[in-house]
């Protein structure tokens, strides 16, 4: 069989003799990057530059809690219901009340300057 290379494919396609599928460019002959040393993947032997904010057990407990919740993403935190639901509802209700009061006052002529 004939060995197809990029040059032979281009030459055949330029002559219009055959339409061959595109051959992807060859990858470099370098070896893949070597994995990091075995000691870097073990946190027990690696030295930490500063103390962690939380103990590992508490961090795993919190991660497990948040990953297993069935709520929406924006309602997962402790105070997220207040910031994502209660405050926008309060703003909408107060603005609707003020707009309604203004319409009522305008329709009855209250507060009109003479």
PDB file of N, CA and C in Angstrom:
ATOM      1  N   UNK A   1       0.820  -1.198   0.000  1.00  0.00           N
ATOM      2  CA  UNK A   1       0.000   0.000   0.000  1.00  0.00           C
ATOM      3  C   UNK A   1       0.861   1.258   0.000  1.00  0.00           C
ATOM      4  N   UNK A   2       0.273   2.318  -0.521  1.00  0.00           N
ATOM      5  CA  UNK A   2       0.967   3.604  -0.608  1.00  0.00           C
ATOM      6  C   UNK A   2       0.828   4.323   0.722  1.00  0.00           C
ATOM      7  N   UNK A   3       1.947   4.864   1.187  1.00  0.00           N
ATOM      8  CA  UNK A   3       1.943   5.618   2.425  1.00  0.00           C
ATOM      9  C   UNK A   3       1.521   7.051   2.118  1.00  0.00           C
ATOM     10  N   UNK A   4       0.406   7.514   2.718  1.00  0.00           N
ATOM     11  CA  UNK A   4      -0.078   8.873   2.488  1.00  0.00           C
ATOM     12  C   UNK A   4       0.565   9.818   3.485  1.00  0.00           C
ATOM     13  N   UNK A   5       1.151  10.859   2.969  1.00  0.00           N
ATOM     14  CA  UNK A   5       1.687  11.914   3.816  1.00  0.00           C
ATOM     15  C   UNK A   5       0.973  13.197   3.463  1.00  0.00           C
ATOM     16  N   UNK A   6       1.291  14.238   4.167  1.00  0.00           N
ATOM     17  CA  UNK A   6       0.656  15.522   3.909  1.00  0.00           C
ATOM     18  C   UNK A   6       1.026  16.037   2.510  1.00  0.00           C
ATOM     19  N   UNK A   7       2.276  15.815   2.090  1.00  0.00           N
ATOM     20  CA  UNK A   7       2.720  16.309   0.789  1.00  0.00           C
ATOM     21  C   UNK A   7       2.022  15.567  -0.350  1.00  0.00           C
ATOM     22  N   UNK A   8       1.922  14.247  -0.244  1.00  0.00           N
ATOM     23  CA  UNK A   8       1.253  13.494  -1.315  1.00  0.00           C
ATOM     24  C   UNK A   8      -0.232  13.810  -1.366  1.00  0.00           C
ATOM     25  N   UNK A   9      -0.835  14.066  -0.228  1.00  0.00           N
ATOM     26  CA  UNK A   9      -2.256  14.424  -0.214  1.00  0.00           C
ATOM     27  C   UNK A   9      -2.467  15.772  -0.878  1.00  0.00           C
ATOM     28  N   UNK A  10      -1.594  16.749  -0.577  1.00  0.00           N
ATOM     29  CA  UNK A  10      -1.713  18.070  -1.200  1.00  0.00           C
ATOM     30  C   UNK A  10      -1.496  17.982  -2.701  1.00  0.00           C
ATOM     31  N   UNK A  11      -0.513  17.193  -3.110  1.00  0.00           N
ATOM     32  CA  UNK A  11      -0.223  17.072  -4.537  1.00  0.00           C
ATOM     33  C   UNK A  11      -1.396  16.429  -5.269  1.00  0.00           C
ATOM     34  N   UNK A  12      -1.977  15.392  -4.707  1.00  0.00           N
ATOM     35  CA  UNK A  12      -3.106  14.720  -5.355  1.00  0.00           C
ATOM     36  C   UNK A  12      -4.329  15.624  -5.390  1.00  0.00           C
ATOM     37  N   UNK A  13      -4.548  16.387  -4.328  1.00  0.00           N
ATOM     38  CA  UNK A  13      -5.704  17.275  -4.301  1.00  0.00           C
ATOM     39  C   UNK A  13      -5.518  18.434  -5.273  1.00  0.00           C
ATOM     40  N   UNK A  14      -4.275  18.925  -5.439  1.00  0.00           N
ATOM     41  CA  UNK A  14      -4.049  20.037  -6.365  1.00  0.00           C
ATOM     42  C   UNK A  14      -4.231  19.591  -7.815  1.00  0.00           C
ATOM     43  N   UNK A  15      -3.946  18.342  -8.113  1.00  0.00           N
ATOM     44  CA  UNK A  15      -4.159  17.826  -9.465  1.00  0.00           C
ATOM     45  C   UNK A  15      -5.622  17.494  -9.724  1.00  0.00           C
ATOM     46  N   UNK A  16      -6.418  17.469  -8.663  1.00  0.00           N
ATOM     47  CA  UNK A  16      -7.828  17.180  -8.829  1.00  0.00           C
ATOM     48  C   UNK A  16      -8.115  15.717  -9.061  1.00  0.00           C
ATOM     49  N   UNK A  17      -7.155  14.873  -8.827  1.00  0.00           N
ATOM     50  CA  UNK A  17      -7.344  13.452  -9.088  1.00  0.00           C
ATOM     51  C   UNK A  17      -8.194  12.785  -8.012  1.00  0.00           C
ATOM     52  N   UNK A  18      -7.998  13.178  -6.807  1.00  0.00           N
ATOM     53  CA  UNK A  18      -8.677  12.476  -5.732  1.00  0.00           C
ATOM     54  C   UNK A  18      -8.958  13.467  -4.605  1.00  0.00           C
ATOM     55  N   UNK A  19     -10.057  13.270  -3.917  1.00  0.00           N
ATOM     56  CA  UNK A  19     -10.338  14.106  -2.748  1.00  0.00           C
ATOM     57  C   UNK A  19     -10.207  13.220  -1.519  1.00  0.00           C
ATOM     58  N   UNK A  20      -9.161  13.445  -0.793  1.00  0.00           N
ATOM     59  CA  UNK A  20      -8.870  12.628   0.369  1.00  0.00           C
ATOM     60  C   UNK A  20      -9.231  13.386   1.634  1.00  0.00           C
ATOM     61  N   UNK A  21      -9.528  12.667   2.689  1.00  0.00           N
ATOM     62  CA  UNK A  21      -9.804  13.360   3.952  1.00  0.00           C
ATOM     63  C   UNK A  21      -8.553  14.065   4.453  1.00  0.00           C
ATOM     64  N   UNK A  22      -8.781  15.095   5.226  1.00  0.00           N
ATOM     65  CA  UNK A  22      -7.678  15.898   5.736  1.00  0.00           C
ATOM     66  C   UNK A  22      -6.915  15.108   6.785  1.00  0.00           C
ATOM     67  N   UNK A  23      -5.619  15.123   6.660  1.00  0.00           N
ATOM     68  CA  UNK A  23      -4.755  14.442   7.619  1.00  0.00           C
ATOM     69  C   UNK A  23      -4.359  15.463   8.678  1.00  0.00           C
ATOM     70  N   UNK A  24      -4.599  15.162   9.956  1.00  0.00           N
ATOM     71  CA  UNK A  24      -4.230  16.130  10.988  1.00  0.00           C
ATOM     72  C   UNK A  24      -2.721  16.301  11.042  1.00  0.00           C
ATOM     73  N   UNK A  25      -2.252  17.485  11.423  1.00  0.00           N
ATOM     74  CA  UNK A  25      -0.802  17.706  11.498  1.00  0.00           C
ATOM     75  C   UNK A  25      -0.177  16.784  12.537  1.00  0.00           C
ATOM     76  N   UNK A  26       1.036  16.368  12.218  1.00  0.00           N
ATOM     77  CA  UNK A  26       1.712  15.446  13.128  1.00  0.00           C
ATOM     78  C   UNK A  26       2.114  16.185  14.396  1.00  0.00           C
ATOM     79  N   UNK A  27       2.057  15.477  15.479  1.00  0.00           N
ATOM     80  CA  UNK A  27       2.426  16.068  16.759  1.00  0.00           C
ATOM     81  C   UNK A  27       3.937  16.019  16.916  1.00  0.00           C
ATOM     82  N   UNK A  28       4.435  16.860  17.779  1.00  0.00           N
ATOM     83  CA  UNK A  28       5.881  16.877  17.977  1.00  0.00           C
ATOM     84  C   UNK A  28       6.324  15.558  18.598  1.00  0.00           C
ATOM     85  N   UNK A  29       7.585  15.237  18.389  1.00  0.00           N
ATOM     86  CA  UNK A  29       8.096  13.951  18.847  1.00  0.00           C
ATOM     87  C   UNK A  29       8.603  14.018  20.289  1.00  0.00           C
ATOM     88  N   UNK A  30       8.301  15.098  20.978  1.00  0.00           N
ATOM     89  CA  UNK A  30       8.730  15.195  22.369  1.00  0.00           C
ATOM     90  C   UNK A  30       7.936  14.221  23.228  1.00  0.00           C
ATOM     91  N   UNK A  31       8.557  13.809  24.291  1.00  0.00           N
ATOM     92  CA  UNK A  31       7.858  12.915  25.211  1.00  0.00           C
ATOM     93  C   UNK A  31       6.871  13.744  26.038  1.00  0.00           C
ATOM     94  N   UNK A  32       5.811  13.122  26.531  1.00  0.00           N
ATOM     95  CA  UNK A  32       4.856  13.868  27.350  1.00  0.00           C
ATOM     96  C   UNK A  32       5.527  14.363  28.620  1.00  0.00           C
ATOM     97  N   UNK A  33       4.977  15.401  29.231  1.00  0.00           N
ATOM     98  CA  UNK A  33       5.614  15.939  30.441  1.00  0.00           C
ATOM     99  C   UNK A  33       5.626  14.894  31.548  1.00  0.00           C
ATOM    100  N   UNK A  34       6.714  14.891  32.276  1.00  0.00           N
ATOM    101  CA  UNK A  34       6.846  13.901  33.339  1.00  0.00           C
ATOM    102  C   UNK A  34       5.938  14.282  34.506  1.00  0.00           C
ATOM    103  N   UNK A  35       5.416  13.302  35.217  1.00  0.00           N
ATOM    104  CA  UNK A  35       4.551  13.612  36.361  1.00  0.00           C
ATOM    105  C   UNK A  35       5.366  14.241  37.481  1.00  0.00           C
ATOM    106  N   UNK A  36       4.702  14.979  38.362  1.00  0.00           N
ATOM    107  CA  UNK A  36       5.440  15.590  39.471  1.00  0.00           C
ATOM    108  C   UNK A  36       5.992  14.517  40.395  1.00  0.00           C
ATOM    109  N   UNK A  37       6.989  14.856  41.172  1.00  0.00           N
ATOM    110  CA  UNK A  37       7.562  13.864  42.086  1.00  0.00           C
ATOM    111  C   UNK A  37       6.514  13.349  43.066  1.00  0.00           C
ATOM    112  N   UNK A  38       6.718  12.150  43.541  1.00  0.00           N
ATOM    113  CA  UNK A  38       5.728  11.504  44.403  1.00  0.00           C
ATOM    114  C   UNK A  38       5.542  12.247  45.716  1.00  0.00           C
ATOM    115  N   UNK A  39       6.561  12.958  46.170  1.00  0.00           N
ATOM    116  CA  UNK A  39       6.436  13.647  47.454  1.00  0.00           C
ATOM    117  C   UNK A  39       5.547  14.873  47.350  1.00  0.00           C
ATOM    118  N   UNK A  40       5.408  15.460  46.165  1.00  0.00           N
ATOM    119  CA  UNK A  40       4.604  16.671  46.033  1.00  0.00           C
ATOM    120  C   UNK A  40       3.120  16.379  46.152  1.00  0.00           C
ATOM    121  N   UNK A  41       2.707  15.147  45.856  1.00  0.00           N
ATOM    122  CA  UNK A  41       1.289  14.828  45.922  1.00  0.00           C
ATOM    123  C   UNK A  41       0.844  14.439  47.328  1.00  0.00           C
ATOM    124  N   UNK A  42       1.790  14.201  48.213  1.00  0.00           N
ATOM    125  CA  UNK A  42       1.438  13.823  49.576  1.00  0.00           C
ATOM    126  C   UNK A  42       1.564  15.033  50.491  1.00  0.00           C
ATOM    127  N   UNK A  43       0.437  15.544  51.011  1.00  0.00           N
ATOM    128  CA  UNK A  43       0.536  16.733  51.863  1.00  0.00           C
ATOM    129  C   UNK A  43       1.204  16.470  53.202  1.00  0.00           C
ATOM    130  N   UNK A  44       1.268  15.206  53.629  1.00  0.00           N
ATOM    131  CA  UNK A  44       1.853  14.941  54.941  1.00  0.00           C
ATOM    132  C   UNK A  44       3.360  15.186  54.935  1.00  0.00           C
ATOM    133  N   UNK A  45       4.027  14.913  53.807  1.00  0.00           N
ATOM    134  CA  UNK A  45       5.469  15.100  53.763  1.00  0.00           C
ATOM    135  C   UNK A  45       5.842  16.495  53.273  1.00  0.00           C
ATOM    136  N   UNK A  46       4.933  17.164  52.549  1.00  0.00           N
ATOM    137  CA  UNK A  46       5.242  18.500  52.051  1.00  0.00           C
ATOM    138  C   UNK A  46       5.102  19.510  53.185  1.00  0.00           C
ATOM    139  N   UNK A  47       5.999  20.481  53.196  1.00  0.00           N
ATOM    140  CA  UNK A  47       5.929  21.506  54.231  1.00  0.00           C
ATOM    141  C   UNK A  47       4.954  22.593  53.810  1.00  0.00           C
ATOM    142  N   UNK A  48       4.089  23.006  54.745  1.00  0.00           N
ATOM    143  CA  UNK A  48       3.144  24.074  54.459  1.00  0.00           C
ATOM    144  C   UNK A  48       3.780  25.401  54.850  1.00  0.00           C
ATOM    145  N   UNK A  49       3.530  26.428  54.040  1.00  0.00           N
ATOM    146  CA  UNK A  49       4.131  27.723  54.317  1.00  0.00           C
ATOM    147  C   UNK A  49       3.368  28.480  55.390  1.00  0.00           C
ATOM    148  N   UNK A  50       2.059  28.236  55.516  1.00  0.00           N
ATOM    149  CA  UNK A  50       1.283  28.892  56.558  1.00  0.00           C
ATOM    150  C   UNK A  50       0.194  27.944  57.029  1.00  0.00           C
ATOM    151  N   UNK A  51      -0.382  28.255  58.161  1.00  0.00           N
ATOM    152  CA  UNK A  51      -1.408  27.384  58.736  1.00  0.00           C
ATOM    153  C   UNK A  51      -2.695  27.479  57.924  1.00  0.00           C
ATOM    154  N   UNK A  52      -3.444  26.384  57.802  1.00  0.00           N
ATOM    155  CA  UNK A  52      -4.701  26.436  57.051  1.00  0.00           C
ATOM    156  C   UNK A  52      -5.760  27.229  57.810  1.00  0.00           C
ATOM    157  N   UNK A  53      -6.735  27.755  57.063  1.00  0.00           N
ATOM    158  CA  UNK A  53      -7.809  28.522  57.689  1.00  0.00           C
ATOM    159  C   UNK A  53      -8.742  27.612  58.486  1.00  0.00           C
ATOM    160  N   UNK A  54      -9.026  26.445  57.934  1.00  0.00           N
ATOM    161  CA  UNK A  54      -9.920  25.496  58.595  1.00  0.00           C
ATOM    162  C   UNK A  54      -9.219  24.150  58.727  1.00  0.00           C
ATOM    163  N   UNK A  55      -9.571  23.380  59.731  1.00  0.00           N
ATOM    164  CA  UNK A  55      -9.060  22.006  59.778  1.00  0.00           C
ATOM    165  C   UNK A  55      -9.612  21.197  58.602  1.00  0.00           C
ATOM    166  N   UNK A  56      -8.859  20.198  58.167  1.00  0.00           N
ATOM    167  CA  UNK A  56      -9.265  19.397  57.004  1.00  0.00           C
ATOM    168  C   UNK A  56     -10.611  18.720  57.216  1.00  0.00           C
ATOM    169  N   UNK A  57     -10.859  18.216  58.422  1.00  0.00           N
ATOM    170  CA  UNK A  57     -12.109  17.505  58.686  1.00  0.00           C
ATOM    171  C   UNK A  57     -13.302  18.441  58.528  1.00  0.00           C
ATOM    172  N   UNK A  58     -13.159  19.655  59.058  1.00  0.00           N
ATOM    173  CA  UNK A  58     -14.265  20.617  58.952  1.00  0.00           C
ATOM    174  C   UNK A  58     -14.474  21.037  57.499  1.00  0.00           C
ATOM    175  N   UNK A  59     -13.389  21.195  56.752  1.00  0.00           N
ATOM    176  CA  UNK A  59     -13.493  21.550  55.341  1.00  0.00           C
ATOM    177  C   UNK A  59     -14.198  20.452  54.558  1.00  0.00           C
ATOM    178  N   UNK A  60     -13.830  19.195  54.802  1.00  0.00           N
ATOM    179  CA  UNK A  60     -14.494  18.079  54.119  1.00  0.00           C
ATOM    180  C   UNK A  60     -15.968  18.008  54.494  1.00  0.00           C
ATOM    181  N   UNK A  61     -16.272  18.295  55.759  1.00  0.00           N
ATOM    182  CA  UNK A  61     -17.666  18.271  56.209  1.00  0.00           C
ATOM    183  C   UNK A  61     -18.483  19.347  55.484  1.00  0.00           C
ATOM    184  N   UNK A  62     -17.923  20.554  55.361  1.00  0.00           N
ATOM    185  CA  UNK A  62     -18.629  21.629  54.664  1.00  0.00           C
ATOM    186  C   UNK A  62     -18.771  21.332  53.180  1.00  0.00           C
ATOM    187  N   UNK A  63     -17.724  20.803  52.556  1.00  0.00           N
ATOM    188  CA  UNK A  63     -17.814  20.449  51.138  1.00  0.00           C
ATOM    189  C   UNK A  63     -18.889  19.397  50.914  1.00  0.00           C
ATOM    190  N   UNK A  64     -18.928  18.399  51.767  1.00  0.00           N
ATOM    191  CA  UNK A  64     -19.934  17.347  51.648  1.00  0.00           C
ATOM    192  C   UNK A  64     -21.333  17.922  51.822  1.00  0.00           C
ATOM    193  N   UNK A  65     -21.500  18.839  52.780  1.00  0.00           N
ATOM    194  CA  UNK A  65     -22.806  19.463  53.010  1.00  0.00           C
ATOM    195  C   UNK A  65     -23.279  20.223  51.779  1.00  0.00           C
ATOM    196  N   UNK A  66     -22.416  21.075  51.223  1.00  0.00           N
ATOM    197  CA  UNK A  66     -22.822  21.898  50.085  1.00  0.00           C
ATOM    198  C   UNK A  66     -23.019  21.074  48.818  1.00  0.00           C
ATOM    199  N   UNK A  67     -22.243  20.014  48.632  1.00  0.00           N
ATOM    200  CA  UNK A  67     -22.380  19.205  47.426  1.00  0.00           C
ATOM    201  C   UNK A  67     -23.630  18.342  47.458  1.00  0.00           C
ATOM    202  N   UNK A  68     -24.140  18.014  48.645  1.00  0.00           N
ATOM    203  CA  UNK A  68     -25.309  17.146  48.744  1.00  0.00           C
ATOM    204  C   UNK A  68     -26.619  17.905  48.894  1.00  0.00           C
ATOM    205  N   UNK A  69     -26.591  19.229  48.922  1.00  0.00           N
ATOM    206  CA  UNK A  69     -27.833  19.995  49.015  1.00  0.00           C
ATOM    207  C   UNK A  69     -28.598  19.920  47.708  1.00  0.00           C
ATOM    208  N   UNK A  70     -29.918  19.925  47.802  1.00  0.00           N
ATOM    209  CA  UNK A  70     -30.743  19.891  46.591  1.00  0.00           C
ATOM    210  C   UNK A  70     -31.285  21.267  46.237  1.00  0.00           C
ATOM    211  N   UNK A  71     -30.908  22.297  46.987  1.00  0.00           N
ATOM    212  CA  UNK A  71     -31.374  23.653  46.694  1.00  0.00           C
ATOM    213  C   UNK A  71     -30.664  24.201  45.463  1.00  0.00           C
ATOM    214  N   UNK A  72     -31.175  25.352  44.973  1.00  0.00           N
ATOM    215  CA  UNK A  72     -30.504  26.035  43.877  1.00  0.00           C
ATOM    216  C   UNK A  72     -29.157  26.553  44.364  1.00  0.00           C
ATOM    217  N   UNK A  73     -28.257  26.793  43.427  1.00  0.00           N
ATOM    218  CA  UNK A  73     -26.903  27.208  43.774  1.00  0.00           C
ATOM    219  C   UNK A  73     -26.896  28.522  44.550  1.00  0.00           C
ATOM    220  N   UNK A  74     -27.759  29.469  44.168  1.00  0.00           N
ATOM    221  CA  UNK A  74     -27.722  30.780  44.815  1.00  0.00           C
ATOM    222  C   UNK A  74     -28.409  30.769  46.176  1.00  0.00           C
ATOM    223  N   UNK A  75     -28.962  29.656  46.619  1.00  0.00           N
ATOM    224  CA  UNK A  75     -29.609  29.586  47.929  1.00  0.00           C
ATOM    225  C   UNK A  75     -28.902  28.618  48.877  1.00  0.00           C
ATOM    226  N   UNK A  76     -27.676  28.238  48.586  1.00  0.00           N
ATOM    227  CA  UNK A  76     -27.009  27.212  49.381  1.00  0.00           C
ATOM    228  C   UNK A  76     -26.408  27.730  50.681  1.00  0.00           C
ATOM    229  N   UNK A  77     -26.026  28.982  50.728  1.00  0.00           N
ATOM    230  CA  UNK A  77     -25.361  29.502  51.917  1.00  0.00           C
ATOM    231  C   UNK A  77     -26.327  29.773  53.047  1.00  0.00           C
ATOM    232  N   UNK A  78     -25.774  30.145  54.195  1.00  0.00           N
ATOM    233  CA  UNK A  78     -26.577  30.359  55.388  1.00  0.00           C
ATOM    234  C   UNK A  78     -27.484  31.578  55.249  1.00  0.00           C
ATOM    235  N   UNK A  79     -26.971  32.672  54.717  1.00  0.00           N
ATOM    236  CA  UNK A  79     -27.745  33.907  54.620  1.00  0.00           C
ATOM    237  C   UNK A  79     -28.167  34.213  53.188  1.00  0.00           C
ATOM    238  N   UNK A  80     -28.062  33.244  52.303  1.00  0.00           N
ATOM    239  CA  UNK A  80     -28.388  33.490  50.900  1.00  0.00           C
ATOM    240  C   UNK A  80     -29.868  33.749  50.683  1.00  0.00           C
ATOM    241  N   UNK A  81     -30.738  33.183  51.514  1.00  0.00           N
ATOM    242  CA  UNK A  81     -32.174  33.432  51.368  1.00  0.00           C
ATOM    243  C   UNK A  81     -32.471  34.896  51.661  1.00  0.00           C
ATOM    244  N   UNK A  82     -31.749  35.468  52.610  1.00  0.00           N
ATOM    245  CA  UNK A  82     -31.974  36.878  52.943  1.00  0.00           C
ATOM    246  C   UNK A  82     -31.522  37.764  51.793  1.00  0.00           C
ATOM    247  N   UNK A  83     -30.314  37.532  51.286  1.00  0.00           N
ATOM    248  CA  UNK A  83     -29.780  38.422  50.257  1.00  0.00           C
ATOM    249  C   UNK A  83     -30.393  38.177  48.893  1.00  0.00           C
ATOM    250  N   UNK A  84     -30.822  36.949  48.591  1.00  0.00           N
ATOM    251  CA  UNK A  84     -31.325  36.651  47.255  1.00  0.00           C
ATOM    252  C   UNK A  84     -32.838  36.708  47.155  1.00  0.00           C
ATOM    253  N   UNK A  85     -33.552  36.626  48.273  1.00  0.00           N
ATOM    254  CA  UNK A  85     -35.009  36.585  48.215  1.00  0.00           C
ATOM    255  C   UNK A  85     -35.628  37.734  49.003  1.00  0.00           C
ATOM    256  N   UNK A  86     -35.300  37.859  50.278  1.00  0.00           N
ATOM    257  CA  UNK A  86     -35.992  38.808  51.148  1.00  0.00           C
ATOM    258  C   UNK A  86     -35.720  40.260  50.764  1.00  0.00           C
ATOM    259  N   UNK A  87     -34.479  40.619  50.528  1.00  0.00           N
ATOM    260  CA  UNK A  87     -34.154  42.013  50.191  1.00  0.00           C
ATOM    261  C   UNK A  87     -34.764  42.419  48.856  1.00  0.00           C
ATOM    262  N   UNK A  88     -34.642  41.635  47.777  1.00  0.00           N
ATOM    263  CA  UNK A  88     -35.313  42.034  46.533  1.00  0.00           C
ATOM    264  C   UNK A  88     -36.830  42.114  46.662  1.00  0.00           C
ATOM    265  N   UNK A  89     -37.446  41.209  47.438  1.00  0.00           N
ATOM    266  CA  UNK A  89     -38.898  41.295  47.637  1.00  0.00           C
ATOM    267  C   UNK A  89     -39.274  42.556  48.404  1.00  0.00           C
ATOM    268  N   UNK A  90     -38.489  42.924  49.412  1.00  0.00           N
ATOM    269  CA  UNK A  90     -38.772  44.140  50.173  1.00  0.00           C
ATOM    270  C   UNK A  90     -38.635  45.375  49.287  1.00  0.00           C
ATOM    271  N   UNK A  91     -37.602  45.415  48.443  1.00  0.00           N
ATOM    272  CA  UNK A  91     -37.442  46.553  47.530  1.00  0.00           C
ATOM    273  C   UNK A  91     -38.595  46.635  46.539  1.00  0.00           C
ATOM    274  N   UNK A  92     -39.011  45.505  45.993  1.00  0.00           N
ATOM    275  CA  UNK A  92     -40.117  45.505  45.034  1.00  0.00           C
ATOM    276  C   UNK A  92     -41.412  45.937  45.706  1.00  0.00           C
ATOM    277  N   UNK A  93     -41.680  45.440  46.921  1.00  0.00           N
ATOM    278  CA  UNK A  93     -42.919  45.796  47.619  1.00  0.00           C
ATOM    279  C   UNK A  93     -42.950  47.275  47.970  1.00  0.00           C
ATOM    280  N   UNK A  94     -41.831  47.814  48.478  1.00  0.00           N
ATOM    281  CA  UNK A  94     -41.826  49.235  48.851  1.00  0.00           C
ATOM    282  C   UNK A  94     -41.941  50.129  47.626  1.00  0.00           C
ATOM    283  N   UNK A  95     -41.299  49.755  46.521  1.00  0.00           N
ATOM    284  CA  UNK A  95     -41.417  50.583  45.315  1.00  0.00           C
ATOM    285  C   UNK A  95     -42.829  50.520  44.748  1.00  0.00           C
ATOM    286  N   UNK A  96     -43.478  49.351  44.791  1.00  0.00           N
ATOM    287  CA  UNK A  96     -44.865  49.258  44.317  1.00  0.00           C
ATOM    288  C   UNK A  96     -45.794  50.090  45.202  1.00  0.00           C
ATOM    289  N   UNK A  97     -45.565  50.077  46.518  1.00  0.00           N
ATOM    290  CA  UNK A  97     -46.372  50.893  47.420  1.00  0.00           C
ATOM    291  C   UNK A  97     -46.209  52.378  47.109  1.00  0.00           C
ATOM    292  N   UNK A  98     -44.971  52.825  46.907  1.00  0.00           N
ATOM    293  CA  UNK A  98     -44.733  54.245  46.624  1.00  0.00           C
ATOM    294  C   UNK A  98     -45.331  54.655  45.286  1.00  0.00           C
ATOM    295  N   UNK A  99     -45.218  53.803  44.279  1.00  0.00           N
ATOM    296  CA  UNK A  99     -45.811  54.120  42.978  1.00  0.00           C
ATOM    297  C   UNK A  99     -47.326  54.189  43.107  1.00  0.00           C
ATOM    298  N   UNK A 100     -47.924  53.234  43.823  1.00  0.00           N
ATOM    299  CA  UNK A 100     -49.376  53.245  44.021  1.00  0.00           C
ATOM    300  C   UNK A 100     -49.838  54.476  44.777  1.00  0.00           C
ATOM    301  N   UNK A 101     -49.091  54.863  45.811  1.00  0.00           N
ATOM    302  CA  UNK A 101     -49.462  56.057  46.575  1.00  0.00           C
ATOM    303  C   UNK A 101     -49.349  57.305  45.715  1.00  0.00           C
ATOM    304  N   UNK A 102     -48.323  57.364  44.856  1.00  0.00           N
ATOM    305  CA  UNK A 102     -48.186  58.515  43.965  1.00  0.00           C
ATOM    306  C   UNK A 102     -49.309  58.599  42.950  1.00  0.00           C
ATOM    307  N   UNK A 103     -49.717  57.468  42.390  1.00  0.00           N
ATOM    308  CA  UNK A 103     -50.832  57.459  41.439  1.00  0.00           C
ATOM    309  C   UNK A 103     -52.119  57.897  42.136  1.00  0.00           C
ATOM    310  N   UNK A 104     -52.348  57.398  43.346  1.00  0.00           N
ATOM    311  CA  UNK A 104     -53.545  57.783  44.099  1.00  0.00           C
ATOM    312  C   UNK A 104     -53.545  59.285  44.380  1.00  0.00           C
ATOM    313  N   UNK A 105     -52.409  59.814  44.840  1.00  0.00           N
ATOM    314  CA  UNK A 105     -52.326  61.239  45.155  1.00  0.00           C
ATOM    315  C   UNK A 105     -52.520  62.094  43.909  1.00  0.00           C
ATOM    316  N   UNK A 106     -51.954  61.667  42.774  1.00  0.00           N
ATOM    317  CA  UNK A 106     -52.121  62.451  41.547  1.00  0.00           C
ATOM    318  C   UNK A 106     -53.570  62.424  41.077  1.00  0.00           C
ATOM    319  N   UNK A 107     -54.215  61.265  41.193  1.00  0.00           N
ATOM    320  CA  UNK A 107     -55.588  61.185  40.700  1.00  0.00           C
ATOM    321  C   UNK A 107     -56.555  61.962  41.582  1.00  0.00           C
ATOM    322  N   UNK A 108     -56.242  62.164  42.859  1.00  0.00           N
ATOM    323  CA  UNK A 108     -57.110  62.919  43.760  1.00  0.00           C
ATOM    324  C   UNK A 108     -56.637  64.354  43.969  1.00  0.00           C
ATOM    325  N   UNK A 109     -55.566  64.738  43.333  1.00  0.00           N
ATOM    326  CA  UNK A 109     -55.083  66.114  43.442  1.00  0.00           C
ATOM    327  C   UNK A 109     -54.441  66.427  44.770  1.00  0.00           C
ATOM    328  N   UNK A 110     -53.985  65.443  45.491  1.00  0.00           N
ATOM    329  CA  UNK A 110     -53.363  65.658  46.798  1.00  0.00           C
ATOM    330  C   UNK A 110     -51.914  66.076  46.574  1.00  0.00           C
ATOM    331  N   UNK A 111     -51.496  67.140  47.274  1.00  0.00           N
ATOM    332  CA  UNK A 111     -50.130  67.601  47.177  1.00  0.00           C
ATOM    333  C   UNK A 111     -49.873  68.495  45.982  1.00  0.00           C
ATOM    334  N   UNK A 112     -50.927  68.919  45.306  1.00  0.00           N
ATOM    335  CA  UNK A 112     -50.771  69.765  44.124  1.00  0.00           C
ATOM    336  C   UNK A 112     -50.494  71.201  44.556  1.00  0.00           C
ATOM    337  N   UNK A 113     -49.492  71.826  43.934  1.00  0.00           N
ATOM    338  CA  UNK A 113     -49.191  73.219  44.247  1.00  0.00           C
ATOM    339  C   UNK A 113     -50.092  74.120  43.418  1.00  0.00           C
ATOM    340  N   UNK A 114     -50.506  75.233  44.016  1.00  0.00           N
ATOM    341  CA  UNK A 114     -51.390  76.146  43.287  1.00  0.00           C
ATOM    342  C   UNK A 114     -50.668  77.345  42.765  1.00  0.00           C
TER     343      UNK A 114
END
